[in-house]
Every structure is written in structure tokens, then in C-alpha cells.
Amino acid sequence: MTSALPNLLTVLRLIAVPVVVVALLLDGGADGAWRWAALAVFVAAAITDYLDGYLARRWKVVSDFGKLADPIADKALVLASLVTLVVTDGLAWWPVAIIAFREVYVTVGRLLVASDVVIAASRGGKLKTVLQIASVTFALWPHGPAWLDALAWILLLGATAVALVSGIDYGIRIAQARHAHPPQPGDRRLPEPEAGGFPE
């Protein structure tokens, strides 16, 4: 087996990001056909989030492209969807801002120490991803009952809380790694892929 299929799934997830955004903008909060399209594409892309990592590990075809592109695709899909919901649905911006800051901080921090230490994905980070995907899925659901919107908001708050806690944990581990292994010129190793198919 080659890495072609897992990498293709990652690329498709990257392509899904602007598709979801455009569909939501075209719908404009009307809960029409475009909203259903956005939901379908988001859910399909979220499924590939697990599937590409699973296939790459099972077939032992993990590639440098996958290591780099997979977490970027995961974060782009969730963050782009949340930001667009802020615009179209009036979703509160502050949880999205906290999650976005955490993602950038952790990703950059892990890359800074990747040449010497692999900062493994934590359970908290994986829980955050699950909560985010569930929250966005419920928030996208057209003509959903009030309790579904409330559940989406509760899940987003939960994801924000977990993002803060896990972000602090990553920050401590990254600082310890940098202290134990000061950066050396020319280090370029990429982080290992996430276990279980979900990003940190």
C-alpha cells in the first residue's frame, strides 16, 4: 500500500474547508439547501479526520506530507466553520478566539521542539476535538430545535475549557522540552501523527 489514499483524504478535507465556508455564506443563516450542503460536507470531512490517520498507521505508510497537512486540515476545518458561524449565526466570538489562539500556540510550540522531542497528543486534546466537531455539527443542523442549539453551545463551552486546560499542559511540556533540548540550527523533523486519528 502507498500513502496515496490517506494523503488524498487529507487533501479532500482541506478542499472541504472553503466549500463549507462558501455554503454557509450563501445560505446566510436561512437554514436552506446550502446549510444542508455545509452540514453534509463538514460531517464527511470530519469522518476523514479519523479515517486517513487510521489507514496510514494500519498500512504503515505515514508520510511527511501527512504529518504536516493532517493537523492543519483538522484545525482549519473546525476553526473556519466556527468563524463563519460567528458571521452568519451571530455565534459568540470569544470561545472561537480562545480556541484559535490555543491551536496556533500549541502547533507552533510543538514544531519548535519537533527536532528533538515529539510532544504526543493528550487525552484532553483529543476530547477537545471531539467536542468541537459535535458542537459544529449540531450548530450547523438546519431547523434544529432550541435544545440542539443549546447543546451545541454547551459543547463549545466545554471544548473551550478543555482547550485552555490542555493548552496549559502542552505549554508546560513544550517549555520542559525546550529547556532539556535547546534548539539547534538545521533541525527539521516533523512531529509524529496523532494516535487515534484526532489532532491535539
Protein backbone atom coordinates (compact mmCIF):
# COMPACT_ATOMS: atom_id res chain seq x y z
CA MET A 1 0.00 0.00 0.00
CA THR A 2 1.09 3.59 -0.55
CA SER A 3 0.29 6.81 1.26
CA ALA A 4 -1.76 8.00 -1.72
CA LEU A 5 -5.21 7.29 -0.24
CA PRO A 6 -4.58 8.72 3.26
CA ASN A 7 -2.99 11.80 1.71
CA LEU A 8 -5.88 12.13 -0.73
CA LEU A 9 -8.34 12.13 2.18
CA THR A 10 -6.30 14.86 3.85
CA VAL A 11 -6.33 16.93 0.67
CA LEU A 12 -10.09 16.43 0.32
CA ARG A 13 -10.52 17.69 3.88
CA LEU A 14 -8.52 20.80 3.02
CA ILE A 15 -10.72 21.33 -0.04
CA ALA A 16 -13.81 20.89 2.15
CA VAL A 17 -12.86 23.93 4.25
CA PRO A 18 -13.71 26.62 1.66
CA VAL A 19 -16.70 24.57 0.49
CA VAL A 20 -18.23 24.65 3.97
CA VAL A 21 -17.48 28.35 4.36
CA VAL A 22 -18.95 29.32 0.99
CA ALA A 23 -22.05 27.16 1.52
CA LEU A 24 -22.70 28.82 4.90
CA LEU A 25 -22.20 32.29 3.47
CA LEU A 26 -24.52 31.57 0.54
CA ASP A 27 -27.14 30.29 2.97
CA GLY A 28 -26.78 33.40 5.09
CA GLY A 29 -28.48 31.84 8.10
CA ALA A 30 -31.63 30.89 6.16
CA ASP A 31 -31.33 27.16 7.01
CA GLY A 32 -31.92 26.23 3.39
CA ALA A 33 -30.29 23.83 0.94
CA TRP A 34 -26.89 25.45 1.26
CA ARG A 35 -26.97 24.87 5.01
CA TRP A 36 -27.67 21.18 4.45
CA ALA A 37 -24.78 21.08 1.99
CA ALA A 38 -22.45 22.69 4.53
CA LEU A 39 -23.51 20.16 7.16
CA ALA A 40 -23.02 17.19 4.82
CA VAL A 41 -19.57 18.32 3.70
CA PHE A 42 -18.47 19.09 7.28
CA VAL A 43 -19.57 15.69 8.59
CA ALA A 44 -17.94 13.85 5.68
CA ALA A 45 -14.71 15.81 6.18
CA ALA A 46 -14.76 15.13 9.92
CA ILE A 47 -15.02 11.40 9.23
CA THR A 48 -11.92 11.56 7.05
CA ASP A 49 -10.17 13.16 10.04
CA TYR A 50 -10.15 9.74 11.68
CA LEU A 51 -10.01 7.61 8.54
CA ASP A 52 -6.83 8.98 6.96
CA GLY A 53 -4.78 8.59 10.14
CA TYR A 54 -6.17 5.11 10.74
CA LEU A 55 -5.30 3.95 7.22
CA ALA A 56 -1.84 5.49 7.30
CA ARG A 57 -0.97 3.68 10.52
CA ARG A 58 -2.60 0.38 9.56
CA TRP A 59 -0.82 0.29 6.22
CA LYS A 60 2.37 1.74 7.71
CA VAL A 61 2.51 4.46 5.06
CA VAL A 62 2.86 7.57 7.23
CA SER A 63 4.34 10.35 5.10
CA ASP A 64 5.95 13.72 5.85
CA PHE A 65 3.10 15.35 3.92
CA GLY A 66 0.55 13.63 6.14
CA LYS A 67 2.37 14.64 9.32
CA LEU A 68 2.26 18.27 8.26
CA ALA A 69 -1.03 18.56 6.37
CA ASP A 70 -3.27 16.36 8.54
CA PRO A 71 -3.32 18.52 11.70
CA ILE A 72 -3.53 21.67 9.59
CA ALA A 73 -6.57 20.31 7.76
CA ASP A 74 -8.22 19.29 11.05
CA LYS A 75 -7.80 22.68 12.67
CA ALA A 76 -8.70 24.61 9.51
CA LEU A 77 -11.97 22.71 9.12
CA VAL A 78 -13.16 23.37 12.68
CA LEU A 79 -11.90 26.94 13.01
CA ALA A 80 -13.16 28.05 9.59
CA SER A 81 -16.60 26.63 10.37
CA LEU A 82 -16.72 28.33 13.77
CA VAL A 83 -15.58 31.69 12.41
CA THR A 84 -18.20 31.53 9.67
CA LEU A 85 -20.89 30.70 12.24
CA VAL A 86 -19.85 33.84 14.10
CA VAL A 87 -20.61 35.80 10.93
CA THR A 88 -23.77 34.03 9.77
CA ASP A 89 -25.39 32.96 13.03
CA GLY A 90 -24.10 35.50 15.50
CA LEU A 91 -22.19 32.85 17.44
CA ALA A 92 -20.23 34.44 20.29
CA TRP A 93 -16.72 35.20 19.10
CA TRP A 94 -14.77 34.81 22.34
CA PRO A 95 -14.77 30.97 22.57
CA VAL A 96 -13.61 30.84 18.96
CA ALA A 97 -10.83 33.34 19.69
CA ILE A 98 -9.63 31.31 22.69
CA ILE A 99 -9.62 28.06 20.70
CA ALA A 100 -7.85 29.69 17.74
CA PHE A 101 -5.13 31.17 19.98
CA ARG A 102 -4.63 27.82 21.66
CA GLU A 103 -4.32 25.98 18.34
CA VAL A 104 -1.71 28.40 16.99
CA TYR A 105 0.24 28.41 20.25
CA VAL A 106 0.36 24.63 20.60
CA THR A 107 1.10 23.97 16.92
CA VAL A 108 3.98 26.46 16.79
CA GLY A 109 5.32 25.25 20.12
CA ARG A 110 5.33 21.62 19.04
CA LEU A 111 7.12 22.48 15.80
CA LEU A 112 9.81 24.39 17.71
CA VAL A 113 10.81 21.28 19.65
CA ALA A 114 9.98 18.67 16.98
CA SER A 115 13.63 18.11 16.06
CA ASP A 116 14.40 16.66 19.48
CA VAL A 117 11.14 15.73 21.20
CA VAL A 118 7.73 14.57 19.96
CA ILE A 119 5.01 16.14 22.10
CA ALA A 120 2.39 13.40 21.98
CA ALA A 121 -1.30 14.20 21.73
CA SER A 122 -3.02 14.31 25.10
CA ARG A 123 -6.39 12.88 26.03
CA GLY A 124 -7.58 16.40 26.71
CA GLY A 125 -6.60 17.49 23.22
CA LYS A 126 -8.48 14.61 21.65
CA LEU A 127 -11.53 15.33 23.83
CA LYS A 128 -11.40 18.95 22.68
CA THR A 129 -11.51 17.86 19.05
CA VAL A 130 -14.48 15.55 19.63
CA LEU A 131 -16.38 18.30 21.47
CA GLN A 132 -15.63 20.81 18.70
CA ILE A 133 -16.80 18.50 15.92
CA ALA A 134 -20.00 17.66 17.82
CA SER A 135 -20.65 21.33 18.58
CA VAL A 136 -20.22 22.45 14.98
CA THR A 137 -22.33 19.56 13.69
CA PHE A 138 -25.26 20.47 15.97
CA ALA A 139 -24.84 24.19 15.29
CA LEU A 140 -24.99 23.58 11.54
CA TRP A 141 -28.15 21.47 11.75
CA PRO A 142 -30.90 23.31 9.80
CA HIS A 143 -34.18 23.99 11.61
CA GLY A 144 -32.91 22.22 14.70
CA PRO A 145 -34.90 22.51 17.93
CA ALA A 146 -33.85 25.04 20.55
CA TRP A 147 -32.33 22.35 22.74
CA LEU A 148 -29.99 21.33 19.92
CA ASP A 149 -28.64 24.87 19.65
CA ALA A 150 -28.25 24.93 23.43
CA LEU A 151 -26.38 21.63 23.31
CA ALA A 152 -24.09 22.97 20.59
CA TRP A 153 -23.29 25.99 22.78
CA ILE A 154 -22.64 23.85 25.86
CA LEU A 155 -20.33 21.59 23.86
CA LEU A 156 -18.47 24.63 22.52
CA LEU A 157 -18.00 25.96 26.05
CA GLY A 158 -16.76 22.52 27.07
CA ALA A 159 -14.33 22.47 24.15
CA THR A 160 -13.11 25.94 25.13
CA ALA A 161 -12.50 24.87 28.73
CA VAL A 162 -10.67 21.73 27.62
CA ALA A 163 -8.67 23.82 25.12
CA LEU A 164 -7.48 26.07 27.94
CA VAL A 165 -6.54 23.22 30.27
CA SER A 166 -4.87 21.10 27.60
CA GLY A 167 -3.16 24.21 26.19
CA ILE A 168 -1.58 24.90 29.57
CA ASP A 169 -0.48 21.27 29.78
CA TYR A 170 1.09 21.46 26.32
CA GLY A 171 2.75 24.74 27.23
CA ILE A 172 4.40 23.15 30.26
CA ARG A 173 5.57 20.13 28.27
CA ILE A 174 6.87 22.31 25.43
CA ALA A 175 8.76 24.54 27.89
CA GLN A 176 10.29 21.47 29.55
CA ALA A 177 11.29 20.06 26.16
CA ARG A 178 12.92 23.34 25.10
CA HIS A 179 14.79 23.52 28.40
CA ALA A 180 16.05 19.93 28.09
CA HIS A 181 16.80 20.19 24.36
CA PRO A 182 17.75 23.73 23.30
CA PRO A 183 17.03 24.28 19.58
CA GLN A 184 19.89 23.54 17.20
CA PRO A 185 20.36 25.07 13.72
CA GLY A 186 19.13 22.89 10.88
CA ASP A 187 16.64 20.80 12.88
CA ARG A 188 13.70 19.96 10.62
CA ARG A 189 11.99 16.81 11.87
CA LEU A 190 8.22 16.88 11.75
CA PRO A 191 6.01 15.74 14.63
CA GLU A 192 4.63 12.22 14.57
CA PRO A 193 0.99 11.75 13.52
CA GLU A 194 -1.66 11.76 16.21
CA ALA A 195 -2.79 8.48 17.73
CA GLY A 196 -6.42 7.65 17.16
CA GLY A 197 -6.86 9.89 14.15
CA PHE A 198 -7.62 13.06 16.10
CA PRO A 199 -5.33 16.07 16.46
CA GLU A 200 -4.19 17.59 19.70
